[in-house]
Amino acid sequence: MRKQKIDYVIRRDPEYKGKEITAKRELSFGIQLASRLLLDHLSYQFNKERLDEKVNLAIDNGDREEFERLSQLYQSYS
Protein backbone atom coordinates (compact mmCIF):
# COMPACT_ATOMS: atom_id res chain seq x y z
CA MET A 1 0.00 0.00 0.00
CA ARG A 2 1.36 3.41 -0.91
CA LYS A 3 2.00 5.96 1.78
CA GLN A 4 -0.02 9.13 1.56
CA LYS A 5 1.91 12.28 0.98
CA ILE A 6 1.25 15.21 3.29
CA ASP A 7 1.64 18.67 1.76
CA TYR A 8 2.12 21.73 3.90
CA VAL A 9 1.41 25.23 2.71
CA ILE A 10 3.17 28.08 4.49
CA ARG A 11 1.09 31.23 4.76
CA ARG A 12 1.99 34.53 6.32
CA ASP A 13 -0.57 36.53 8.18
CA PRO A 14 -0.30 40.18 7.03
CA GLU A 15 -1.36 41.40 10.48
CA TYR A 16 1.88 40.18 12.05
CA LYS A 17 4.04 41.58 9.21
CA GLY A 18 5.89 38.34 8.61
CA LYS A 19 6.75 37.65 12.26
CA GLU A 20 4.68 34.46 12.43
CA ILE A 21 4.33 31.70 9.87
CA THR A 22 1.54 29.14 10.13
CA ALA A 23 1.34 25.78 8.37
CA LYS A 24 -1.81 24.15 7.05
CA ARG A 25 -2.22 20.49 6.22
CA GLU A 26 -4.01 19.89 2.92
CA LEU A 27 -5.80 16.72 1.90
CA SER A 28 -4.48 14.76 -1.04
CA PHE A 29 -6.34 14.86 -4.34
CA GLY A 30 -7.48 11.25 -3.96
CA ILE A 31 -9.10 11.88 -0.59
CA GLN A 32 -10.74 15.06 -1.86
CA LEU A 33 -12.12 13.25 -4.90
CA ALA A 34 -13.39 10.28 -2.90
CA SER A 35 -15.14 12.52 -0.39
CA ARG A 36 -16.72 14.59 -3.17
CA LEU A 37 -17.99 11.45 -4.92
CA LEU A 38 -19.41 10.08 -1.66
CA LEU A 39 -21.25 13.33 -0.88
CA ASP A 40 -22.59 13.54 -4.43
CA HIS A 41 -23.86 9.97 -4.28
CA LEU A 42 -25.51 10.49 -0.89
CA SER A 43 -27.27 13.67 -2.00
CA TYR A 44 -28.39 11.93 -5.23
CA GLN A 45 -29.91 9.06 -3.25
CA PHE A 46 -31.60 11.40 -0.78
CA ASN A 47 -33.14 13.57 -3.50
CA LYS A 48 -34.30 10.55 -5.50
CA GLU A 49 -35.94 8.90 -2.50
CA ARG A 50 -37.66 12.14 -1.48
CA LEU A 51 -38.98 12.68 -5.02
CA ASP A 52 -40.12 9.06 -5.17
CA GLU A 53 -42.12 9.57 -1.96
CA LYS A 54 -43.76 12.69 -3.41
CA VAL A 55 -44.68 10.82 -6.61
CA ASN A 56 -46.23 7.99 -4.59
CA LEU A 57 -48.16 10.50 -2.47
CA ALA A 58 -49.50 12.18 -5.62
CA ILE A 59 -50.63 8.80 -6.91
CA ASP A 60 -52.32 7.97 -3.61
CA ASN A 61 -54.12 11.34 -3.57
CA GLY A 62 -55.14 11.05 -7.23
CA ASP A 63 -53.51 14.39 -8.11
CA ARG A 64 -52.71 13.89 -11.80
CA GLU A 65 -51.19 17.35 -12.38
CA GLU A 66 -48.77 16.98 -9.48
CA PHE A 67 -47.91 13.45 -10.63
CA GLU A 68 -47.09 14.63 -14.16
CA ARG A 69 -44.98 17.52 -12.86
CA LEU A 70 -43.04 15.26 -10.49
CA SER A 71 -42.62 12.52 -13.09
CA GLN A 72 -40.92 15.04 -15.40
CA LEU A 73 -38.44 15.80 -12.60
CA TYR A 74 -37.99 12.09 -11.85
CA GLN A 75 -36.92 11.32 -15.44
CA SER A 76 -33.51 12.86 -14.82
CA TYR A 77 -32.89 10.24 -12.09
CA SER A 78 -33.53 7.29 -14.42
PDB file of N, CA and C in Angstrom:
ATOM      1  N   MET A   1       0.840  -1.168   0.000  1.00  0.00           N
ATOM      2  CA  MET A   1       0.000   0.000   0.000  1.00  0.00           C
ATOM      3  C   MET A   1       0.893   1.242   0.000  1.00  0.00           C
ATOM      4  N   ARG A   2       0.562   2.192  -0.828  1.00  0.00           N
ATOM      5  CA  ARG A   2       1.357   3.413  -0.915  1.00  0.00           C
ATOM      6  C   ARG A   2       1.109   4.298   0.289  1.00  0.00           C
ATOM      7  N   LYS A   3       2.145   4.996   0.700  1.00  0.00           N
ATOM      8  CA  LYS A   3       1.996   5.956   1.778  1.00  0.00           C
ATOM      9  C   LYS A   3       1.407   7.237   1.217  1.00  0.00           C
ATOM     10  N   GLN A   4       0.568   7.866   2.006  1.00  0.00           N
ATOM     11  CA  GLN A   4      -0.023   9.126   1.565  1.00  0.00           C
ATOM     12  C   GLN A   4       0.960  10.255   1.822  1.00  0.00           C
ATOM     13  N   LYS A   5       1.024  11.136   0.876  1.00  0.00           N
ATOM     14  CA  LYS A   5       1.913  12.276   0.981  1.00  0.00           C
ATOM     15  C   LYS A   5       1.181  13.432   1.663  1.00  0.00           C
ATOM     16  N   ILE A   6       1.837  14.083   2.586  1.00  0.00           N
ATOM     17  CA  ILE A   6       1.254  15.214   3.288  1.00  0.00           C
ATOM     18  C   ILE A   6       1.923  16.485   2.763  1.00  0.00           C
ATOM     19  N   ASP A   7       1.133  17.392   2.254  1.00  0.00           N
ATOM     20  CA  ASP A   7       1.641  18.668   1.761  1.00  0.00           C
ATOM     21  C   ASP A   7       1.354  19.748   2.781  1.00  0.00           C
ATOM     22  N   TYR A   8       2.314  20.598   2.998  1.00  0.00           N
ATOM     23  CA  TYR A   8       2.125  21.734   3.896  1.00  0.00           C
ATOM     24  C   TYR A   8       2.251  23.022   3.103  1.00  0.00           C
ATOM     25  N   VAL A   9       1.396  23.940   3.377  1.00  0.00           N
ATOM     26  CA  VAL A   9       1.413  25.234   2.713  1.00  0.00           C
ATOM     27  C   VAL A   9       1.732  26.276   3.778  1.00  0.00           C
ATOM     28  N   ILE A  10       2.769  27.045   3.544  1.00  0.00           N
ATOM     29  CA  ILE A  10       3.166  28.085   4.489  1.00  0.00           C
ATOM     30  C   ILE A  10       2.485  29.384   4.082  1.00  0.00           C
ATOM     31  N   ARG A  11       1.790  29.980   5.030  1.00  0.00           N
ATOM     32  CA  ARG A  11       1.090  31.229   4.764  1.00  0.00           C
ATOM     33  C   ARG A  11       1.460  32.250   5.827  1.00  0.00           C
ATOM     34  N   ARG A  12       1.689  33.452   5.395  1.00  0.00           N
ATOM     35  CA  ARG A  12       1.995  34.529   6.323  1.00  0.00           C
ATOM     36  C   ARG A  12       0.742  35.358   6.578  1.00  0.00           C
ATOM     37  N   ASP A  13       0.549  35.682   7.818  1.00  0.00           N
ATOM     38  CA  ASP A  13      -0.573  36.531   8.182  1.00  0.00           C
ATOM     39  C   ASP A  13      -0.115  37.986   8.071  1.00  0.00           C
ATOM     40  N   PRO A  14      -0.771  38.801   7.223  1.00  0.00           N
ATOM     41  CA  PRO A  14      -0.305  40.185   7.033  1.00  0.00           C
ATOM     42  C   PRO A  14      -0.379  41.035   8.301  1.00  0.00           C
ATOM     43  N   GLU A  15      -1.218  40.632   9.248  1.00  0.00           N
ATOM     44  CA  GLU A  15      -1.359  41.404  10.475  1.00  0.00           C
ATOM     45  C   GLU A  15      -0.071  41.393  11.303  1.00  0.00           C
ATOM     46  N   TYR A  16       0.656  40.296  11.253  1.00  0.00           N
ATOM     47  CA  TYR A  16       1.882  40.182  12.046  1.00  0.00           C
ATOM     48  C   TYR A  16       3.123  40.617  11.275  1.00  0.00           C
ATOM     49  N   LYS A  17       2.956  41.052  10.052  1.00  0.00           N
ATOM     50  CA  LYS A  17       4.042  41.579   9.215  1.00  0.00           C
ATOM     51  C   LYS A  17       5.206  40.599   9.094  1.00  0.00           C
ATOM     52  N   GLY A  18       4.859  39.340   8.863  1.00  0.00           N
ATOM     53  CA  GLY A  18       5.888  38.339   8.611  1.00  0.00           C
ATOM     54  C   GLY A  18       6.545  37.786   9.856  1.00  0.00           C
ATOM     55  N   LYS A  19       6.126  38.141  11.041  1.00  0.00           N
ATOM     56  CA  LYS A  19       6.752  37.647  12.259  1.00  0.00           C
ATOM     57  C   LYS A  19       6.359  36.209  12.562  1.00  0.00           C
ATOM     58  N   GLU A  20       5.170  35.793  12.115  1.00  0.00           N
ATOM     59  CA  GLU A  20       4.680  34.460  12.432  1.00  0.00           C
ATOM     60  C   GLU A  20       4.275  33.750  11.151  1.00  0.00           C
ATOM     61  N   ILE A  21       4.674  32.509  11.034  1.00  0.00           N
ATOM     62  CA  ILE A  21       4.328  31.700   9.873  1.00  0.00           C
ATOM     63  C   ILE A  21       3.521  30.505  10.365  1.00  0.00           C
ATOM     64  N   THR A  22       2.378  30.277   9.752  1.00  0.00           N
ATOM     65  CA  THR A  22       1.537  29.142  10.127  1.00  0.00           C
ATOM     66  C   THR A  22       1.535  28.123   9.000  1.00  0.00           C
ATOM     67  N   ALA A  23       1.378  26.862   9.348  1.00  0.00           N
ATOM     68  CA  ALA A  23       1.338  25.779   8.371  1.00  0.00           C
ATOM     69  C   ALA A  23      -0.047  25.161   8.374  1.00  0.00           C
ATOM     70  N   LYS A  24      -0.495  24.754   7.205  1.00  0.00           N
ATOM     71  CA  LYS A  24      -1.807  24.148   7.054  1.00  0.00           C
ATOM     72  C   LYS A  24      -1.641  22.814   6.332  1.00  0.00           C
ATOM     73  N   ARG A  25      -2.279  21.796   6.846  1.00  0.00           N
ATOM     74  CA  ARG A  25      -2.219  20.485   6.215  1.00  0.00           C
ATOM     75  C   ARG A  25      -3.343  20.390   5.199  1.00  0.00           C
ATOM     76  N   GLU A  26      -3.012  20.034   3.976  1.00  0.00           N
ATOM     77  CA  GLU A  26      -4.013  19.888   2.922  1.00  0.00           C
ATOM     78  C   GLU A  26      -4.239  18.413   2.629  1.00  0.00           C
ATOM     79  N   LEU A  27      -5.464  18.095   2.259  1.00  0.00           N
ATOM     80  CA  LEU A  27      -5.797  16.724   1.902  1.00  0.00           C
ATOM     81  C   LEU A  27      -5.285  16.406   0.507  1.00  0.00           C
ATOM     82  N   SER A  28      -4.939  15.162   0.282  1.00  0.00           N
ATOM     83  CA  SER A  28      -4.477  14.764  -1.038  1.00  0.00           C
ATOM     84  C   SER A  28      -5.640  14.777  -2.026  1.00  0.00           C
ATOM     85  N   PHE A  29      -5.322  14.810  -3.290  1.00  0.00           N
ATOM     86  CA  PHE A  29      -6.342  14.861  -4.335  1.00  0.00           C
ATOM     87  C   PHE A  29      -7.247  13.641  -4.282  1.00  0.00           C
ATOM     88  N   GLY A  30      -6.685  12.481  -4.011  1.00  0.00           N
ATOM     89  CA  GLY A  30      -7.479  11.252  -3.958  1.00  0.00           C
ATOM     90  C   GLY A  30      -8.529  11.284  -2.864  1.00  0.00           C
ATOM     91  N   ILE A  31      -8.150  11.788  -1.701  1.00  0.00           N
ATOM     92  CA  ILE A  31      -9.096  11.878  -0.589  1.00  0.00           C
ATOM     93  C   ILE A  31     -10.168  12.916  -0.906  1.00  0.00           C
ATOM     94  N   GLN A  32      -9.769  14.032  -1.486  1.00  0.00           N
ATOM     95  CA  GLN A  32     -10.741  15.061  -1.860  1.00  0.00           C
ATOM     96  C   GLN A  32     -11.742  14.526  -2.873  1.00  0.00           C
ATOM     97  N   LEU A  33     -11.249  13.797  -3.868  1.00  0.00           N
ATOM     98  CA  LEU A  33     -12.119  13.248  -4.905  1.00  0.00           C
ATOM     99  C   LEU A  33     -13.069  12.199  -4.326  1.00  0.00           C
ATOM    100  N   ALA A  34     -12.553  11.321  -3.491  1.00  0.00           N
ATOM    101  CA  ALA A  34     -13.395  10.280  -2.902  1.00  0.00           C
ATOM    102  C   ALA A  34     -14.480  10.884  -2.019  1.00  0.00           C
ATOM    103  N   SER A  35     -14.134  11.893  -1.246  1.00  0.00           N
ATOM    104  CA  SER A  35     -15.143  12.516  -0.386  1.00  0.00           C
ATOM    105  C   SER A  35     -16.189  13.250  -1.210  1.00  0.00           C
ATOM    106  N   ARG A  36     -15.779  13.896  -2.288  1.00  0.00           N
ATOM    107  CA  ARG A  36     -16.723  14.590  -3.165  1.00  0.00           C
ATOM    108  C   ARG A  36     -17.682  13.596  -3.821  1.00  0.00           C
ATOM    109  N   LEU A  37     -17.149  12.479  -4.296  1.00  0.00           N
ATOM    110  CA  LEU A  37     -17.992  11.455  -4.919  1.00  0.00           C
ATOM    111  C   LEU A  37     -18.975  10.855  -3.916  1.00  0.00           C
ATOM    112  N   LEU A  38     -18.527  10.626  -2.686  1.00  0.00           N
ATOM    113  CA  LEU A  38     -19.407  10.083  -1.662  1.00  0.00           C
ATOM    114  C   LEU A  38     -20.540  11.060  -1.349  1.00  0.00           C
ATOM    115  N   LEU A  39     -20.210  12.330  -1.171  1.00  0.00           N
ATOM    116  CA  LEU A  39     -21.246  13.328  -0.876  1.00  0.00           C
ATOM    117  C   LEU A  39     -22.224  13.485  -2.037  1.00  0.00           C
ATOM    118  N   ASP A  40     -21.713  13.456  -3.265  1.00  0.00           N
ATOM    119  CA  ASP A  40     -22.593  13.543  -4.430  1.00  0.00           C
ATOM    120  C   ASP A  40     -23.547  12.359  -4.496  1.00  0.00           C
ATOM    121  N   HIS A  41     -23.029  11.173  -4.223  1.00  0.00           N
ATOM    122  CA  HIS A  41     -23.862   9.970  -4.279  1.00  0.00           C
ATOM    123  C   HIS A  41     -24.932  10.000  -3.181  1.00  0.00           C
ATOM    124  N   LEU A  42     -24.548  10.418  -1.981  1.00  0.00           N
ATOM    125  CA  LEU A  42     -25.514  10.487  -0.885  1.00  0.00           C
ATOM    126  C   LEU A  42     -26.612  11.513  -1.151  1.00  0.00           C
ATOM    127  N   SER A  43     -26.251  12.665  -1.696  1.00  0.00           N
ATOM    128  CA  SER A  43     -27.273  13.670  -2.000  1.00  0.00           C
ATOM    129  C   SER A  43     -28.165  13.200  -3.150  1.00  0.00           C
ATOM    130  N   TYR A  44     -27.599  12.495  -4.133  1.00  0.00           N
ATOM    131  CA  TYR A  44     -28.387  11.931  -5.233  1.00  0.00           C
ATOM    132  C   TYR A  44     -29.427  10.953  -4.693  1.00  0.00           C
ATOM    133  N   GLN A  45     -28.985  10.047  -3.815  1.00  0.00           N
ATOM    134  CA  GLN A  45     -29.905   9.063  -3.247  1.00  0.00           C
ATOM    135  C   GLN A  45     -31.003   9.740  -2.428  1.00  0.00           C
ATOM    136  N   PHE A  46     -30.634  10.705  -1.612  1.00  0.00           N
ATOM    137  CA  PHE A  46     -31.602  11.395  -0.775  1.00  0.00           C
ATOM    138  C   PHE A  46     -32.650  12.107  -1.622  1.00  0.00           C
ATOM    139  N   ASN A  47     -32.203  12.833  -2.637  1.00  0.00           N
ATOM    140  CA  ASN A  47     -33.137  13.570  -3.496  1.00  0.00           C
ATOM    141  C   ASN A  47     -34.044  12.627  -4.275  1.00  0.00           C
ATOM    142  N   LYS A  48     -33.499  11.513  -4.746  1.00  0.00           N
ATOM    143  CA  LYS A  48     -34.301  10.552  -5.499  1.00  0.00           C
ATOM    144  C   LYS A  48     -35.362   9.906  -4.611  1.00  0.00           C
ATOM    145  N   GLU A  49     -34.978   9.524  -3.412  1.00  0.00           N
ATOM    146  CA  GLU A  49     -35.943   8.903  -2.498  1.00  0.00           C
ATOM    147  C   GLU A  49     -37.037   9.890  -2.095  1.00  0.00           C
ATOM    148  N   ARG A  50     -36.665  11.131  -1.854  1.00  0.00           N
ATOM    149  CA  ARG A  50     -37.659  12.145  -1.483  1.00  0.00           C
ATOM    150  C   ARG A  50     -38.635  12.400  -2.627  1.00  0.00           C
ATOM    151  N   LEU A  51     -38.117  12.479  -3.854  1.00  0.00           N
ATOM    152  CA  LEU A  51     -38.975  12.681  -5.016  1.00  0.00           C
ATOM    153  C   LEU A  51     -39.871  11.469  -5.250  1.00  0.00           C
ATOM    154  N   ASP A  52     -39.332  10.280  -5.018  1.00  0.00           N
ATOM    155  CA  ASP A  52     -40.117   9.058  -5.166  1.00  0.00           C
ATOM    156  C   ASP A  52     -41.289   9.043  -4.176  1.00  0.00           C
ATOM    157  N   GLU A  53     -41.043   9.492  -2.950  1.00  0.00           N
ATOM    158  CA  GLU A  53     -42.120   9.566  -1.961  1.00  0.00           C
ATOM    159  C   GLU A  53     -43.197  10.568  -2.387  1.00  0.00           C
ATOM    160  N   LYS A  54     -42.789  11.689  -2.956  1.00  0.00           N
ATOM    161  CA  LYS A  54     -43.757  12.693  -3.415  1.00  0.00           C
ATOM    162  C   LYS A  54     -44.590  12.162  -4.580  1.00  0.00           C
ATOM    163  N   VAL A  55     -43.952  11.407  -5.482  1.00  0.00           N
ATOM    164  CA  VAL A  55     -44.681  10.815  -6.613  1.00  0.00           C
ATOM    165  C   VAL A  55     -45.708   9.818  -6.093  1.00  0.00           C
ATOM    166  N   ASN A  56     -45.300   8.972  -5.149  1.00  0.00           N
ATOM    167  CA  ASN A  56     -46.230   7.994  -4.587  1.00  0.00           C
ATOM    168  C   ASN A  56     -47.383   8.664  -3.858  1.00  0.00           C
ATOM    169  N   LEU A  57     -47.101   9.760  -3.167  1.00  0.00           N
ATOM    170  CA  LEU A  57     -48.159  10.496  -2.473  1.00  0.00           C
ATOM    171  C   LEU A  57     -49.147  11.108  -3.471  1.00  0.00           C
ATOM    172  N   ALA A  58     -48.627  11.622  -4.592  1.00  0.00           N
ATOM    173  CA  ALA A  58     -49.503  12.182  -5.619  1.00  0.00           C
ATOM    174  C   ALA A  58     -50.390  11.097  -6.225  1.00  0.00           C
ATOM    175  N   ILE A  59     -49.835   9.906  -6.387  1.00  0.00           N
ATOM    176  CA  ILE A  59     -50.625   8.795  -6.911  1.00  0.00           C
ATOM    177  C   ILE A  59     -51.717   8.416  -5.909  1.00  0.00           C
ATOM    178  N   ASP A  60     -51.343   8.339  -4.638  1.00  0.00           N
ATOM    179  CA  ASP A  60     -52.324   7.970  -3.605  1.00  0.00           C
ATOM    180  C   ASP A  60     -53.446   8.990  -3.494  1.00  0.00           C
ATOM    181  N   ASN A  61     -53.108  10.283  -3.668  1.00  0.00           N
ATOM    182  CA  ASN A  61     -54.115  11.345  -3.569  1.00  0.00           C
ATOM    183  C   ASN A  61     -54.896  11.539  -4.870  1.00  0.00           C
ATOM    184  N   GLY A  62     -54.460  10.916  -5.943  1.00  0.00           N
ATOM    185  CA  GLY A  62     -55.140  11.049  -7.229  1.00  0.00           C
ATOM    186  C   GLY A  62     -54.919  12.408  -7.880  1.00  0.00           C
ATOM    187  N   ASP A  63     -53.835  13.065  -7.552  1.00  0.00           N
ATOM    188  CA  ASP A  63     -53.508  14.387  -8.108  1.00  0.00           C
ATOM    189  C   ASP A  63     -52.692  14.195  -9.390  1.00  0.00           C
ATOM    190  N   ARG A  64     -53.365  14.180 -10.523  1.00  0.00           N
ATOM    191  CA  ARG A  64     -52.706  13.894 -11.796  1.00  0.00           C
ATOM    192  C   ARG A  64     -51.729  14.990 -12.210  1.00  0.00           C
ATOM    193  N   GLU A  65     -52.074  16.240 -11.992  1.00  0.00           N
ATOM    194  CA  GLU A  65     -51.194  17.346 -12.380  1.00  0.00           C
ATOM    195  C   GLU A  65     -49.871  17.301 -11.603  1.00  0.00           C
ATOM    196  N   GLU A  66     -49.980  17.067 -10.312  1.00  0.00           N
ATOM    197  CA  GLU A  66     -48.771  16.976  -9.483  1.00  0.00           C
ATOM    198  C   GLU A  66     -47.934  15.764  -9.884  1.00  0.00           C
ATOM    199  N   PHE A  67     -48.618  14.646 -10.193  1.00  0.00           N
ATOM    200  CA  PHE A  67     -47.907  13.451 -10.632  1.00  0.00           C
ATOM    201  C   PHE A  67     -47.143  13.703 -11.921  1.00  0.00           C
ATOM    202  N   GLU A  68     -47.767  14.355 -12.884  1.00  0.00           N
ATOM    203  CA  GLU A  68     -47.091  14.626 -14.156  1.00  0.00           C
ATOM    204  C   GLU A  68     -45.915  15.574 -13.971  1.00  0.00           C
ATOM    205  N   ARG A  69     -46.081  16.582 -13.106  1.00  0.00           N
ATOM    206  CA  ARG A  69     -44.983  17.522 -12.859  1.00  0.00           C
ATOM    207  C   ARG A  69     -43.803  16.807 -12.187  1.00  0.00           C
ATOM    208  N   LEU A  70     -44.100  15.978 -11.202  1.00  0.00           N
ATOM    209  CA  LEU A  70     -43.038  15.264 -10.494  1.00  0.00           C
ATOM    210  C   LEU A  70     -42.399  14.182 -11.362  1.00  0.00           C
ATOM    211  N   SER A  71     -43.193  13.550 -12.222  1.00  0.00           N
ATOM    212  CA  SER A  71     -42.624  12.516 -13.088  1.00  0.00           C
ATOM    213  C   SER A  71     -41.650  13.113 -14.102  1.00  0.00           C
ATOM    214  N   GLN A  72     -41.888  14.354 -14.518  1.00  0.00           N
ATOM    215  CA  GLN A  72     -40.921  15.035 -15.395  1.00  0.00           C
ATOM    216  C   GLN A  72     -39.592  15.250 -14.663  1.00  0.00           C
ATOM    217  N   LEU A  73     -39.651  15.617 -13.394  1.00  0.00           N
ATOM    218  CA  LEU A  73     -38.444  15.803 -12.602  1.00  0.00           C
ATOM    219  C   LEU A  73     -37.743  14.456 -12.346  1.00  0.00           C
ATOM    220  N   TYR A  74     -38.535  13.421 -12.167  1.00  0.00           N
ATOM    221  CA  TYR A  74     -37.992  12.092 -11.855  1.00  0.00           C
ATOM    222  C   TYR A  74     -37.242  11.465 -13.036  1.00  0.00           C
ATOM    223  N   GLN A  75     -37.566  11.893 -14.255  1.00  0.00           N
ATOM    224  CA  GLN A  75     -36.923  11.316 -15.435  1.00  0.00           C
ATOM    225  C   GLN A  75     -35.424  11.543 -15.447  1.00  0.00           C
ATOM    226  N   SER A  76     -34.952  12.616 -14.840  1.00  0.00           N
ATOM    227  CA  SER A  76     -33.511  12.863 -14.816  1.00  0.00           C
ATOM    228  C   SER A  76     -32.789  11.891 -13.888  1.00  0.00           C
ATOM    229  N   TYR A  77     -33.499  11.216 -12.983  1.00  0.00           N
ATOM    230  CA  TYR A  77     -32.893  10.241 -12.089  1.00  0.00           C
ATOM    231  C   TYR A  77     -32.876   8.828 -12.670  1.00  0.00           C
ATOM    232  N   SER A  78     -33.470   8.624 -13.821  1.00  0.00           N
ATOM    233  CA  SER A  78     -33.527   7.289 -14.422  1.00  0.00           C
ATOM    234  C   SER A  78     -32.259   6.943 -15.144  1.00  0.00           C
TER     235      SER A  78
END
